[in-house]
Amino acid sequence: MKAEFHKGFDKQLAKLPKKRRDKVIDTIDLFLEEPMEPLLRNHELTGEWAGFRSISAGGDLRLHFEIVGENIAYFVAVGTHSQLYK
């Protein structure tokens, strides 16, 4: 599995405090090694996010992505539950 990032994801990531940024990077690394690791709580989304998936970076922090191509996770958003589900 490979990861690609939307420019909006990069901007959201840059706004996070360093500790949370590091946690997101560790979470992506874990996801790329083992996408269905139970700690990630990888699941499909519905509603306005239908077609995307979400993983947890601990606490209330979520990463939204879609699978494109054969093995590419395209990360599009990172934030807390309340930031992503307005």
Protein backbone atom coordinates (compact mmCIF):
# COMPACT_ATOMS: atom_id res chain seq x y z
CA MET A 1 0.00 0.00 0.00
CA LYS A 2 1.21 3.51 -0.85
CA ALA A 3 -0.05 6.86 0.42
CA GLU A 4 -0.75 10.08 -1.47
CA PHE A 5 -1.99 13.30 0.08
CA HIS A 6 -4.42 15.99 -1.02
CA LYS A 7 -3.08 19.52 -0.52
CA GLY A 8 -5.94 20.17 1.93
CA PHE A 9 -4.75 17.22 4.03
CA ASP A 10 -1.23 18.67 4.08
CA LYS A 11 -2.57 22.05 5.23
CA GLN A 12 -4.69 20.50 7.98
CA LEU A 13 -1.75 18.39 9.13
CA ALA A 14 0.54 21.43 9.27
CA LYS A 15 -1.91 23.21 11.60
CA LEU A 16 -1.82 20.40 14.18
CA PRO A 17 0.47 20.63 17.21
CA LYS A 18 3.73 18.72 16.74
CA LYS A 19 2.70 15.85 19.04
CA ARG A 20 -0.50 15.27 17.07
CA ARG A 21 1.34 15.60 13.73
CA ASP A 22 3.79 12.94 14.86
CA LYS A 23 0.88 10.70 15.91
CA VAL A 24 -0.73 11.11 12.46
CA ILE A 25 2.54 10.17 10.74
CA ASP A 26 2.91 7.10 12.98
CA THR A 27 -0.70 6.15 12.23
CA ILE A 28 -0.15 6.40 8.48
CA ASP A 29 2.99 4.25 8.78
CA LEU A 30 1.02 1.61 10.71
CA PHE A 31 -1.81 1.78 8.16
CA LEU A 32 0.59 1.23 5.26
CA GLU A 33 2.02 -1.86 6.98
CA GLU A 34 -1.29 -3.29 8.24
CA PRO A 35 -4.40 -1.48 6.89
CA MET A 36 -6.85 -3.48 8.99
CA GLU A 37 -4.95 -3.24 12.30
CA PRO A 38 -7.73 -3.11 14.96
CA LEU A 39 -6.19 -0.06 16.67
CA LEU A 40 -6.89 1.97 13.52
CA ARG A 41 -10.63 1.26 13.58
CA ASN A 42 -10.64 1.34 9.77
CA HIS A 43 -14.22 1.69 8.51
CA GLU A 44 -16.32 2.91 5.60
CA LEU A 45 -18.04 6.26 5.87
CA THR A 46 -21.59 7.19 4.92
CA GLY A 47 -23.51 10.38 4.22
CA GLU A 48 -21.47 13.27 2.86
CA TRP A 49 -18.32 11.12 3.17
CA ALA A 50 -19.77 8.10 1.31
CA GLY A 51 -17.06 6.40 -0.73
CA PHE A 52 -14.34 7.31 1.76
CA ARG A 53 -12.88 5.44 4.72
CA SER A 54 -11.70 6.64 8.12
CA ILE A 55 -8.98 5.56 10.52
CA SER A 56 -8.29 6.71 14.05
CA ALA A 57 -5.04 8.38 15.10
CA GLY A 58 -5.97 8.08 18.77
CA GLY A 59 -8.39 10.04 20.86
CA ASP A 60 -10.76 12.04 18.70
CA LEU A 61 -8.36 12.45 15.75
CA ARG A 62 -9.49 10.94 12.43
CA LEU A 63 -7.93 10.57 8.99
CA HIS A 64 -10.20 10.27 5.94
CA PHE A 65 -9.01 8.63 2.75
CA GLU A 66 -10.15 6.78 -0.33
CA ILE A 67 -8.55 3.87 -2.12
CA VAL A 68 -7.56 4.82 -5.67
CA GLY A 69 -5.92 2.60 -8.20
CA GLU A 70 -4.79 -0.78 -7.01
CA ASN A 71 -2.98 0.00 -3.78
CA ILE A 72 -3.02 3.75 -3.17
CA ALA A 73 -4.62 5.39 -0.14
CA TYR A 74 -5.40 9.01 -1.02
CA PHE A 75 -5.66 10.94 2.26
CA VAL A 76 -7.99 13.93 1.98
CA ALA A 77 -8.74 15.16 5.52
CA VAL A 78 -7.43 15.03 9.08
CA GLY A 79 -9.11 16.48 12.15
CA THR A 80 -11.27 15.81 15.16
CA HIS A 81 -14.66 14.22 14.87
CA SER A 82 -16.40 17.59 15.23
CA GLN A 83 -14.15 19.24 12.61
CA LEU A 84 -14.80 16.55 10.01
CA TYR A 85 -18.49 15.93 10.62
CA LYS A 86 -20.04 19.39 10.63
